[in-house]
Amino acid sequence: MCRPRFITPAFHALAAVALIALVPPTGADAAPAPASGYDTITQRNPFGLRPPASSDATHAATKPADQPPPPIALTGIAALADRRWACFNLGAKGGSARSVRLAVGQREGDLQLVSVNIPQERVEILYAGQPVQLALRGAAANQRIAAELKEQMEMQAHTRASELYQRRERIREQQELEAAGFATKP
């Protein structure tokens, strides 16, 4: 099997040492970690090393009907191997919005990404503790886009056919005039 040149046995040994150094000690001999400014990184769980904190109570809760929809727009979804991400615009329409990319289980303020369904282009989020499902595009939007695309393609085909017909008619008229002995304008 052909391996890239940079993956050598020394590389594997270095990776194993680095992995062992990153695994925290457990049990009675584990010393408490000193407080630092980097603690927020582990609390956010950006690499998905811990399972997402979710309870059955939060999944069973329903969104109240009188609450307006959250000021969140789903702008994209991505997957690489078993990792899934979603991109959102946070903020009201017309106001200043900021973009956020979250992995499954990651939290940003009141927003937490629970699951990503790539084939259906849907995500499930928790917004202020309430479950919400967002779609990249709604089914009506997909149908509208497909209808507009079909209409545009038909219009282009009709325009091309009409242009060809007019060109052929001009050529035919010129040939008839030349055959009758009339001079044609260049």
N, C-alpha and C. Protein backbone atom coordinates (compact mmCIF):
# COMPACT_ATOMS: atom_id res chain seq x y z
N MET A 1 0.85 -1.17 0.00
CA MET A 1 0.00 0.00 0.00
C MET A 1 0.89 1.23 0.00
N CYS A 2 0.56 2.19 -0.78
CA CYS A 2 1.36 3.39 -0.91
C CYS A 2 0.91 4.42 0.12
N ARG A 3 1.83 4.86 0.99
CA ARG A 3 1.51 5.86 2.00
C ARG A 3 2.21 7.15 1.63
N PRO A 4 1.63 8.29 2.03
CA PRO A 4 2.35 9.54 1.82
C PRO A 4 3.69 9.50 2.55
N ARG A 5 4.66 10.20 2.03
CA ARG A 5 6.01 10.14 2.58
C ARG A 5 6.12 10.69 3.99
N PHE A 6 5.28 11.65 4.37
CA PHE A 6 5.40 12.26 5.68
C PHE A 6 4.85 11.37 6.80
N ILE A 7 4.10 10.31 6.48
CA ILE A 7 3.58 9.42 7.51
C ILE A 7 4.57 8.27 7.65
N THR A 8 5.45 8.41 8.60
CA THR A 8 6.50 7.42 8.86
C THR A 8 6.28 6.83 10.25
N PRO A 9 7.02 5.79 10.61
CA PRO A 9 6.90 5.25 11.97
C PRO A 9 7.22 6.31 13.03
N ALA A 10 8.16 7.20 12.73
CA ALA A 10 8.48 8.26 13.69
C ALA A 10 7.29 9.19 13.86
N PHE A 11 6.57 9.45 12.79
CA PHE A 11 5.38 10.29 12.85
C PHE A 11 4.32 9.63 13.73
N HIS A 12 4.13 8.31 13.58
CA HIS A 12 3.17 7.59 14.40
C HIS A 12 3.56 7.64 15.87
N ALA A 13 4.84 7.49 16.16
CA ALA A 13 5.29 7.54 17.54
C ALA A 13 5.05 8.92 18.14
N LEU A 14 5.33 9.96 17.38
CA LEU A 14 5.12 11.33 17.85
C LEU A 14 3.63 11.58 18.08
N ALA A 15 2.78 11.08 17.21
CA ALA A 15 1.34 11.26 17.36
C ALA A 15 0.85 10.53 18.62
N ALA A 16 1.37 9.34 18.89
CA ALA A 16 0.96 8.59 20.08
C ALA A 16 1.38 9.32 21.35
N VAL A 17 2.60 9.88 21.37
CA VAL A 17 3.06 10.63 22.55
C VAL A 17 2.19 11.85 22.75
N ALA A 18 1.86 12.55 21.67
CA ALA A 18 1.02 13.74 21.78
C ALA A 18 -0.36 13.38 22.28
N LEU A 19 -0.91 12.26 21.83
CA LEU A 19 -2.23 11.83 22.26
C LEU A 19 -2.22 11.45 23.74
N ILE A 20 -1.18 10.77 24.19
CA ILE A 20 -1.08 10.39 25.60
C ILE A 20 -0.95 11.63 26.47
N ALA A 21 -0.21 12.62 25.98
CA ALA A 21 -0.04 13.85 26.76
C ALA A 21 -1.34 14.63 26.86
N LEU A 22 -2.24 14.48 25.89
CA LEU A 22 -3.49 15.23 25.90
C LEU A 22 -4.57 14.57 26.74
N VAL A 23 -4.46 13.27 27.01
CA VAL A 23 -5.49 12.57 27.78
C VAL A 23 -5.31 12.95 29.25
N PRO A 24 -6.35 13.49 29.87
CA PRO A 24 -6.22 13.89 31.28
C PRO A 24 -6.20 12.67 32.20
N PRO A 25 -5.49 12.77 33.31
CA PRO A 25 -5.47 11.65 34.27
C PRO A 25 -6.83 11.51 34.95
N THR A 26 -7.19 10.30 35.31
CA THR A 26 -8.46 10.06 35.99
C THR A 26 -8.19 9.30 37.27
N GLY A 27 -9.16 9.26 38.15
CA GLY A 27 -9.04 8.49 39.38
C GLY A 27 -8.59 9.36 40.54
N ALA A 28 -8.10 8.69 41.59
CA ALA A 28 -7.74 9.39 42.81
C ALA A 28 -6.47 10.21 42.64
N ASP A 29 -5.55 9.78 41.73
CA ASP A 29 -4.29 10.49 41.59
C ASP A 29 -4.41 11.71 40.68
N ALA A 30 -5.60 12.00 40.17
CA ALA A 30 -5.78 13.15 39.27
C ALA A 30 -5.74 14.43 40.08
N ALA A 31 -4.87 15.32 39.69
CA ALA A 31 -4.76 16.62 40.36
C ALA A 31 -5.72 17.59 39.71
N PRO A 32 -6.32 18.50 40.48
CA PRO A 32 -7.22 19.48 39.87
C PRO A 32 -6.43 20.40 38.94
N ALA A 33 -7.03 20.70 37.81
CA ALA A 33 -6.36 21.56 36.82
C ALA A 33 -6.39 23.01 37.30
N PRO A 34 -5.29 23.72 37.08
CA PRO A 34 -5.29 25.13 37.49
C PRO A 34 -6.25 25.93 36.61
N ALA A 35 -6.88 26.93 37.20
CA ALA A 35 -7.82 27.78 36.46
C ALA A 35 -7.04 28.63 35.47
N SER A 36 -7.55 28.72 34.27
CA SER A 36 -6.90 29.55 33.26
C SER A 36 -7.97 30.14 32.35
N GLY A 37 -7.55 30.98 31.46
CA GLY A 37 -8.47 31.58 30.52
C GLY A 37 -8.94 30.63 29.44
N TYR A 38 -8.33 29.44 29.40
CA TYR A 38 -8.68 28.47 28.38
C TYR A 38 -9.79 27.51 28.82
N ASP A 39 -10.29 27.67 30.03
CA ASP A 39 -11.34 26.78 30.52
C ASP A 39 -12.62 26.90 29.69
N THR A 40 -12.87 28.06 29.12
CA THR A 40 -14.09 28.23 28.33
C THR A 40 -14.06 27.35 27.09
N ILE A 41 -12.87 27.03 26.60
CA ILE A 41 -12.77 26.17 25.41
C ILE A 41 -13.32 24.79 25.72
N THR A 42 -12.93 24.23 26.86
CA THR A 42 -13.41 22.90 27.21
C THR A 42 -14.89 22.93 27.58
N GLN A 43 -15.38 24.03 28.12
CA GLN A 43 -16.80 24.12 28.44
C GLN A 43 -17.65 24.17 27.18
N ARG A 44 -17.15 24.82 26.12
CA ARG A 44 -17.89 24.91 24.86
C ARG A 44 -17.86 23.60 24.10
N ASN A 45 -16.88 22.74 24.37
CA ASN A 45 -16.74 21.45 23.70
C ASN A 45 -16.67 21.61 22.18
N PRO A 46 -15.74 22.45 21.67
CA PRO A 46 -15.72 22.73 20.23
C PRO A 46 -15.33 21.54 19.37
N PHE A 47 -14.65 20.56 19.94
CA PHE A 47 -14.20 19.41 19.15
C PHE A 47 -15.10 18.19 19.33
N GLY A 48 -16.18 18.34 20.09
CA GLY A 48 -17.13 17.25 20.27
C GLY A 48 -16.54 16.07 21.01
N LEU A 49 -15.64 16.32 21.96
CA LEU A 49 -15.02 15.23 22.71
C LEU A 49 -15.97 14.64 23.75
N ARG A 50 -16.89 15.43 24.24
CA ARG A 50 -17.90 14.96 25.20
C ARG A 50 -19.24 14.87 24.48
N PRO A 51 -20.10 13.95 24.91
CA PRO A 51 -21.43 13.89 24.28
C PRO A 51 -22.21 15.16 24.62
N PRO A 52 -23.12 15.58 23.73
CA PRO A 52 -23.88 16.79 24.01
C PRO A 52 -24.75 16.61 25.24
N ALA A 53 -24.83 17.66 26.04
CA ALA A 53 -25.65 17.62 27.25
C ALA A 53 -27.09 17.86 26.84
N SER A 54 -27.89 16.80 26.86
CA SER A 54 -29.30 16.94 26.53
C SER A 54 -30.09 16.02 27.45
N SER A 55 -31.27 16.43 27.74
CA SER A 55 -32.12 15.60 28.59
C SER A 55 -33.43 15.33 27.85
N ASP A 56 -34.13 14.31 28.26
CA ASP A 56 -35.40 13.96 27.61
C ASP A 56 -36.42 15.07 27.83
N ALA A 57 -36.30 15.79 28.93
CA ALA A 57 -37.26 16.86 29.21
C ALA A 57 -37.15 17.97 28.18
N THR A 58 -35.94 18.30 27.75
CA THR A 58 -35.80 19.38 26.76
C THR A 58 -36.30 18.93 25.40
N HIS A 59 -36.17 17.64 25.06
CA HIS A 59 -36.67 17.15 23.78
C HIS A 59 -38.18 17.02 23.79
N ALA A 60 -38.77 16.75 24.96
CA ALA A 60 -40.21 16.57 25.04
C ALA A 60 -40.95 17.90 25.06
N ALA A 61 -40.25 18.98 25.40
CA ALA A 61 -40.90 20.29 25.47
C ALA A 61 -41.28 20.74 24.06
N THR A 62 -42.38 21.44 23.97
CA THR A 62 -42.80 21.96 22.67
C THR A 62 -42.69 23.47 22.68
N LYS A 63 -42.62 24.04 21.50
CA LYS A 63 -42.48 25.48 21.36
C LYS A 63 -43.84 26.13 21.56
N PRO A 64 -43.95 27.11 22.45
CA PRO A 64 -45.24 27.77 22.64
C PRO A 64 -45.68 28.48 21.36
N ALA A 65 -47.00 28.45 21.10
CA ALA A 65 -47.52 29.04 19.87
C ALA A 65 -47.44 30.56 19.88
N ASP A 66 -47.50 31.19 21.06
CA ASP A 66 -47.50 32.65 21.11
C ASP A 66 -46.10 33.24 21.00
N GLN A 67 -45.07 32.42 21.08
CA GLN A 67 -43.70 32.93 20.99
C GLN A 67 -43.33 33.11 19.51
N PRO A 68 -42.79 34.29 19.14
CA PRO A 68 -42.42 34.50 17.74
C PRO A 68 -41.24 33.61 17.37
N PRO A 69 -41.06 33.33 16.06
CA PRO A 69 -39.93 32.48 15.67
C PRO A 69 -38.61 33.16 16.02
N PRO A 70 -37.59 32.38 16.31
CA PRO A 70 -36.32 32.96 16.71
C PRO A 70 -35.69 33.74 15.55
N PRO A 71 -34.88 34.76 15.88
CA PRO A 71 -34.22 35.55 14.83
C PRO A 71 -32.99 34.81 14.30
N ILE A 72 -33.22 33.60 13.81
CA ILE A 72 -32.13 32.76 13.34
C ILE A 72 -32.45 32.30 11.92
N ALA A 73 -31.46 32.39 11.04
CA ALA A 73 -31.63 31.88 9.68
C ALA A 73 -30.56 30.83 9.43
N LEU A 74 -30.99 29.66 9.00
CA LEU A 74 -30.06 28.59 8.64
C LEU A 74 -29.49 28.92 7.27
N THR A 75 -28.16 29.07 7.18
CA THR A 75 -27.54 29.46 5.91
C THR A 75 -26.74 28.34 5.27
N GLY A 76 -26.46 27.27 6.00
CA GLY A 76 -25.70 26.19 5.39
C GLY A 76 -25.51 25.03 6.34
N ILE A 77 -25.25 23.86 5.77
CA ILE A 77 -24.93 22.68 6.56
C ILE A 77 -23.76 21.98 5.89
N ALA A 78 -22.97 21.27 6.69
CA ALA A 78 -21.80 20.58 6.17
C ALA A 78 -21.56 19.31 6.97
N ALA A 79 -20.87 18.37 6.33
CA ALA A 79 -20.51 17.12 6.99
C ALA A 79 -19.16 16.68 6.49
N LEU A 80 -18.36 16.15 7.40
CA LEU A 80 -17.07 15.57 7.05
C LEU A 80 -16.91 14.35 7.93
N ALA A 81 -16.90 13.19 7.30
CA ALA A 81 -16.87 11.90 8.01
C ALA A 81 -18.10 11.84 8.92
N ASP A 82 -17.91 11.71 10.24
CA ASP A 82 -19.06 11.62 11.13
C ASP A 82 -19.35 12.95 11.82
N ARG A 83 -18.66 14.01 11.47
CA ARG A 83 -18.89 15.34 12.06
C ARG A 83 -19.89 16.12 11.22
N ARG A 84 -20.74 16.89 11.87
CA ARG A 84 -21.75 17.70 11.18
C ARG A 84 -21.75 19.11 11.76
N TRP A 85 -21.91 20.10 10.86
CA TRP A 85 -21.94 21.50 11.26
C TRP A 85 -23.13 22.17 10.61
N ALA A 86 -23.53 23.29 11.19
CA ALA A 86 -24.56 24.13 10.59
C ALA A 86 -24.12 25.58 10.75
N CYS A 87 -24.44 26.39 9.75
CA CYS A 87 -24.11 27.81 9.77
C CYS A 87 -25.41 28.59 9.90
N PHE A 88 -25.39 29.60 10.76
CA PHE A 88 -26.57 30.40 11.04
C PHE A 88 -26.24 31.88 10.93
N ASN A 89 -27.25 32.68 10.62
CA ASN A 89 -27.19 34.13 10.78
C ASN A 89 -28.06 34.44 11.98
N LEU A 90 -27.48 35.05 12.99
CA LEU A 90 -28.21 35.41 14.20
C LEU A 90 -28.53 36.89 14.16
N GLY A 91 -29.76 37.24 14.43
CA GLY A 91 -30.17 38.64 14.45
C GLY A 91 -31.44 38.82 13.67
N ALA A 92 -32.13 39.92 13.94
CA ALA A 92 -33.40 40.20 13.28
C ALA A 92 -33.16 40.62 11.84
N LYS A 93 -34.16 40.39 10.99
CA LYS A 93 -34.06 40.83 9.60
C LYS A 93 -34.04 42.35 9.57
N GLY A 94 -33.19 42.87 8.73
CA GLY A 94 -33.07 44.32 8.63
C GLY A 94 -32.09 44.89 9.66
N GLY A 95 -31.81 44.13 10.70
CA GLY A 95 -30.86 44.58 11.72
C GLY A 95 -29.49 44.01 11.43
N SER A 96 -28.59 44.21 12.36
CA SER A 96 -27.25 43.66 12.17
C SER A 96 -27.27 42.18 12.55
N ALA A 97 -26.79 41.35 11.64
CA ALA A 97 -26.75 39.91 11.87
C ALA A 97 -25.30 39.47 11.93
N ARG A 98 -25.05 38.42 12.69
CA ARG A 98 -23.71 37.86 12.72
C ARG A 98 -23.79 36.38 12.40
N SER A 99 -22.75 35.90 11.76
CA SER A 99 -22.72 34.50 11.33
C SER A 99 -22.07 33.64 12.40
N VAL A 100 -22.62 32.44 12.57
CA VAL A 100 -22.13 31.49 13.56
C VAL A 100 -22.10 30.11 12.93
N ARG A 101 -21.02 29.36 13.18
CA ARG A 101 -20.94 27.97 12.75
C ARG A 101 -20.86 27.11 14.00
N LEU A 102 -21.78 26.15 14.11
CA LEU A 102 -21.82 25.28 15.28
C LEU A 102 -21.74 23.82 14.86
N ALA A 103 -21.05 23.04 15.65
CA ALA A 103 -21.04 21.59 15.49
C ALA A 103 -22.16 21.02 16.35
N VAL A 104 -22.54 19.78 16.08
CA VAL A 104 -23.59 19.14 16.87
C VAL A 104 -23.16 19.11 18.33
N GLY A 105 -24.04 19.61 19.21
CA GLY A 105 -23.76 19.66 20.63
C GLY A 105 -23.16 20.97 21.09
N GLN A 106 -22.70 21.79 20.17
CA GLN A 106 -22.07 23.06 20.54
C GLN A 106 -23.14 24.11 20.82
N ARG A 107 -22.80 25.07 21.69
CA ARG A 107 -23.75 26.10 22.13
C ARG A 107 -23.15 27.48 21.88
N GLU A 108 -24.02 28.41 21.47
CA GLU A 108 -23.65 29.82 21.30
C GLU A 108 -24.78 30.65 21.88
N GLY A 109 -24.60 31.14 23.09
CA GLY A 109 -25.66 31.91 23.76
C GLY A 109 -26.86 31.02 24.03
N ASP A 110 -28.04 31.43 23.53
CA ASP A 110 -29.27 30.67 23.71
C ASP A 110 -29.44 29.57 22.66
N LEU A 111 -28.52 29.49 21.74
CA LEU A 111 -28.64 28.55 20.61
C LEU A 111 -27.73 27.35 20.81
N GLN A 112 -28.30 26.15 20.66
CA GLN A 112 -27.52 24.92 20.70
C GLN A 112 -27.96 24.03 19.55
N LEU A 113 -26.99 23.52 18.81
CA LEU A 113 -27.29 22.62 17.70
C LEU A 113 -27.43 21.21 18.24
N VAL A 114 -28.59 20.59 18.00
CA VAL A 114 -28.88 19.26 18.51
C VAL A 114 -28.58 18.20 17.45
N SER A 115 -29.09 18.39 16.23
CA SER A 115 -28.86 17.40 15.18
C SER A 115 -28.89 18.06 13.82
N VAL A 116 -28.25 17.38 12.85
CA VAL A 116 -28.21 17.84 11.46
C VAL A 116 -28.64 16.68 10.58
N ASN A 117 -29.63 16.91 9.73
CA ASN A 117 -30.10 15.91 8.78
C ASN A 117 -29.72 16.41 7.39
N ILE A 118 -28.62 15.89 6.84
CA ILE A 118 -28.10 16.36 5.56
C ILE A 118 -29.07 16.06 4.41
N PRO A 119 -29.61 14.83 4.25
CA PRO A 119 -30.47 14.57 3.09
C PRO A 119 -31.72 15.45 3.05
N GLN A 120 -32.31 15.73 4.20
CA GLN A 120 -33.52 16.55 4.24
C GLN A 120 -33.21 18.04 4.37
N GLU A 121 -31.94 18.39 4.50
CA GLU A 121 -31.48 19.78 4.67
C GLU A 121 -32.20 20.44 5.84
N ARG A 122 -32.23 19.74 6.97
CA ARG A 122 -32.88 20.24 8.19
C ARG A 122 -31.93 20.12 9.37
N VAL A 123 -32.13 21.01 10.34
CA VAL A 123 -31.39 20.93 11.59
C VAL A 123 -32.39 21.09 12.73
N GLU A 124 -32.04 20.50 13.86
CA GLU A 124 -32.82 20.69 15.08
C GLU A 124 -31.94 21.44 16.06
N ILE A 125 -32.49 22.52 16.60
CA ILE A 125 -31.74 23.33 17.55
C ILE A 125 -32.55 23.49 18.84
N LEU A 126 -31.87 23.88 19.88
CA LEU A 126 -32.53 24.34 21.10
C LEU A 126 -32.31 25.84 21.17
N TYR A 127 -33.38 26.61 21.16
CA TYR A 127 -33.28 28.06 21.26
C TYR A 127 -33.98 28.48 22.54
N ALA A 128 -33.24 28.98 23.48
CA ALA A 128 -33.75 29.36 24.79
C ALA A 128 -34.44 28.17 25.46
N GLY A 129 -33.87 26.97 25.28
CA GLY A 129 -34.39 25.76 25.90
C GLY A 129 -35.55 25.12 25.16
N GLN A 130 -36.01 25.73 24.07
CA GLN A 130 -37.14 25.20 23.31
C GLN A 130 -36.63 24.55 22.02
N PRO A 131 -37.10 23.34 21.68
CA PRO A 131 -36.67 22.70 20.42
C PRO A 131 -37.30 23.40 19.21
N VAL A 132 -36.49 23.64 18.21
CA VAL A 132 -36.94 24.28 16.97
C VAL A 132 -36.29 23.53 15.81
N GLN A 133 -37.06 23.29 14.75
CA GLN A 133 -36.51 22.70 13.54
C GLN A 133 -36.44 23.76 12.46
N LEU A 134 -35.28 23.84 11.80
CA LEU A 134 -35.08 24.79 10.71
C LEU A 134 -34.72 24.03 9.45
N ALA A 135 -35.19 24.50 8.32
CA ALA A 135 -34.86 23.90 7.03
C ALA A 135 -34.01 24.88 6.24
N LEU A 136 -33.07 24.32 5.49
CA LEU A 136 -32.23 25.16 4.66
C LEU A 136 -33.11 25.89 3.65
N ARG A 137 -34.00 25.16 3.01
CA ARG A 137 -35.02 25.74 2.13
C ARG A 137 -36.29 24.96 2.38
N GLY A 138 -37.40 25.65 2.42
CA GLY A 138 -38.67 24.97 2.58
C GLY A 138 -39.06 24.27 1.29
N ALA A 139 -39.98 23.33 1.38
CA ALA A 139 -40.43 22.60 0.20
C ALA A 139 -41.07 23.55 -0.80
N ALA A 140 -41.82 24.55 -0.32
CA ALA A 140 -42.45 25.51 -1.23
C ALA A 140 -41.38 26.31 -1.97
N ALA A 141 -40.31 26.67 -1.27
CA ALA A 141 -39.24 27.42 -1.92
C ALA A 141 -38.56 26.56 -2.98
N ASN A 142 -38.35 25.28 -2.68
CA ASN A 142 -37.74 24.38 -3.66
C ASN A 142 -38.62 24.25 -4.90
N GLN A 143 -39.94 24.12 -4.71
CA GLN A 143 -40.85 24.01 -5.84
C GLN A 143 -40.86 25.29 -6.66
N ARG A 144 -40.85 26.43 -5.99
CA ARG A 144 -40.84 27.72 -6.68
C ARG A 144 -39.58 27.87 -7.50
N ILE A 145 -38.44 27.52 -6.93
CA ILE A 145 -37.16 27.63 -7.65
C ILE A 145 -37.16 26.70 -8.86
N ALA A 146 -37.67 25.48 -8.68
CA ALA A 146 -37.72 24.53 -9.80
C ALA A 146 -38.64 25.05 -10.91
N ALA A 147 -39.78 25.62 -10.54
CA ALA A 147 -40.71 26.15 -11.55
C ALA A 147 -40.09 27.33 -12.29
N GLU A 148 -39.41 28.23 -11.55
CA GLU A 148 -38.75 29.36 -12.20
C GLU A 148 -37.65 28.90 -13.15
N LEU A 149 -36.89 27.90 -12.74
CA LEU A 149 -35.81 27.38 -13.59
C LEU A 149 -36.40 26.74 -14.85
N LYS A 150 -37.47 25.97 -14.71
CA LYS A 150 -38.10 25.34 -15.87
C LYS A 150 -38.63 26.40 -16.83
N GLU A 151 -39.28 27.42 -16.29
CA GLU A 151 -39.81 28.50 -17.14
C GLU A 151 -38.69 29.24 -17.86
N GLN A 152 -37.60 29.49 -17.16
CA GLN A 152 -36.46 30.18 -17.77
C GLN A 152 -35.86 29.34 -18.89
N MET A 153 -35.73 28.03 -18.68
CA MET A 153 -35.17 27.17 -19.71
C MET A 153 -36.09 27.10 -20.93
N GLU A 154 -37.41 27.04 -20.71
CA GLU A 154 -38.35 27.03 -21.82
C GLU A 154 -38.29 28.33 -22.61
N MET A 155 -38.15 29.45 -21.89
CA MET A 155 -38.06 30.75 -22.55
C MET A 155 -36.80 30.83 -23.40
N GLN A 156 -35.69 30.35 -22.88
CA GLN A 156 -34.44 30.37 -23.64
C GLN A 156 -34.55 29.48 -24.88
N ALA A 157 -35.16 28.31 -24.75
CA ALA A 157 -35.32 27.41 -25.90
C ALA A 157 -36.23 28.05 -26.94
N HIS A 158 -37.32 28.69 -26.51
CA HIS A 158 -38.22 29.37 -27.45
C HIS A 158 -37.51 30.52 -28.15
N THR A 159 -36.74 31.30 -27.41
CA THR A 159 -36.01 32.42 -28.00
C THR A 159 -35.01 31.93 -29.04
N ARG A 160 -34.27 30.88 -28.73
CA ARG A 160 -33.31 30.32 -29.69
C ARG A 160 -34.01 29.81 -30.94
N ALA A 161 -35.13 29.13 -30.77
CA ALA A 161 -35.87 28.61 -31.91
C ALA A 161 -36.40 29.77 -32.77
N SER A 162 -36.89 30.81 -32.13
CA SER A 162 -37.40 31.96 -32.88
C SER A 162 -36.28 32.65 -33.65
N GLU A 163 -35.12 32.81 -33.03
CA GLU A 163 -33.98 33.44 -33.72
C GLU A 163 -33.54 32.61 -34.92
N LEU A 164 -33.50 31.29 -34.79
CA LEU A 164 -33.13 30.42 -35.91
C LEU A 164 -34.14 30.52 -37.05
N TYR A 165 -35.42 30.53 -36.70
CA TYR A 165 -36.47 30.64 -37.71
C TYR A 165 -36.35 31.96 -38.48
N GLN A 166 -36.13 33.07 -37.76
CA GLN A 166 -36.00 34.37 -38.42
C GLN A 166 -34.77 34.40 -39.32
N ARG A 167 -33.67 33.83 -38.90
CA ARG A 167 -32.46 33.80 -39.71
C ARG A 167 -32.69 32.99 -40.99
N ARG A 168 -33.34 31.84 -40.87
CA ARG A 168 -33.63 31.01 -42.04
C ARG A 168 -34.56 31.74 -43.02
N GLU A 169 -35.54 32.46 -42.49
CA GLU A 169 -36.47 33.21 -43.34
C GLU A 169 -35.73 34.32 -44.10
N ARG A 170 -34.82 35.02 -43.45
CA ARG A 170 -34.04 36.07 -44.13
C ARG A 170 -33.20 35.48 -45.25
N ILE A 171 -32.57 34.35 -44.98
CA ILE A 171 -31.75 33.69 -46.00
C ILE A 171 -32.61 33.23 -47.16
N ARG A 172 -33.78 32.65 -46.87
CA ARG A 172 -34.69 32.20 -47.92
C ARG A 172 -35.17 33.36 -48.77
N GLU A 173 -35.54 34.50 -48.13
CA GLU A 173 -36.00 35.68 -48.87
C GLU A 173 -34.89 36.23 -49.76
N GLN A 174 -33.67 36.27 -49.26
CA GLN A 174 -32.54 36.74 -50.08
C GLN A 174 -32.32 35.83 -51.29
N GLN A 175 -32.42 34.53 -51.08
CA GLN A 175 -32.23 33.59 -52.18
C GLN A 175 -33.33 33.75 -53.24
N GLU A 176 -34.56 33.97 -52.82
CA GLU A 176 -35.66 34.17 -53.75
C GLU A 176 -35.48 35.45 -54.56
N LEU A 177 -35.05 36.53 -53.88
CA LEU A 177 -34.83 37.80 -54.58
C LEU A 177 -33.69 37.67 -55.58
N GLU A 178 -32.62 36.98 -55.21
CA GLU A 178 -31.48 36.79 -56.12
C GLU A 178 -31.90 35.92 -57.32
N ALA A 179 -32.72 34.94 -57.06
CA ALA A 179 -33.19 34.06 -58.14
C ALA A 179 -34.10 34.82 -59.10
N ALA A 180 -34.84 35.82 -58.61
CA ALA A 180 -35.74 36.61 -59.46
C ALA A 180 -34.97 37.70 -60.18
N GLY A 181 -33.70 37.93 -59.85
CA GLY A 181 -32.88 38.92 -60.52
C GLY A 181 -32.84 40.26 -59.82
N PHE A 182 -33.33 40.36 -58.62
CA PHE A 182 -33.28 41.62 -57.89
C PHE A 182 -31.99 41.66 -57.05
N ALA A 183 -31.41 42.82 -56.99
CA ALA A 183 -30.19 43.00 -56.19
C ALA A 183 -30.60 43.12 -54.73
N THR A 184 -29.82 42.57 -53.86
CA THR A 184 -30.10 42.64 -52.44
C THR A 184 -29.11 43.54 -51.75
N LYS A 185 -29.56 44.13 -50.67
CA LYS A 185 -28.66 44.98 -49.89
C LYS A 185 -27.74 44.08 -49.08
N PRO A 186 -26.47 44.48 -49.01
CA PRO A 186 -25.54 43.67 -48.21
C PRO A 186 -25.81 43.80 -46.74
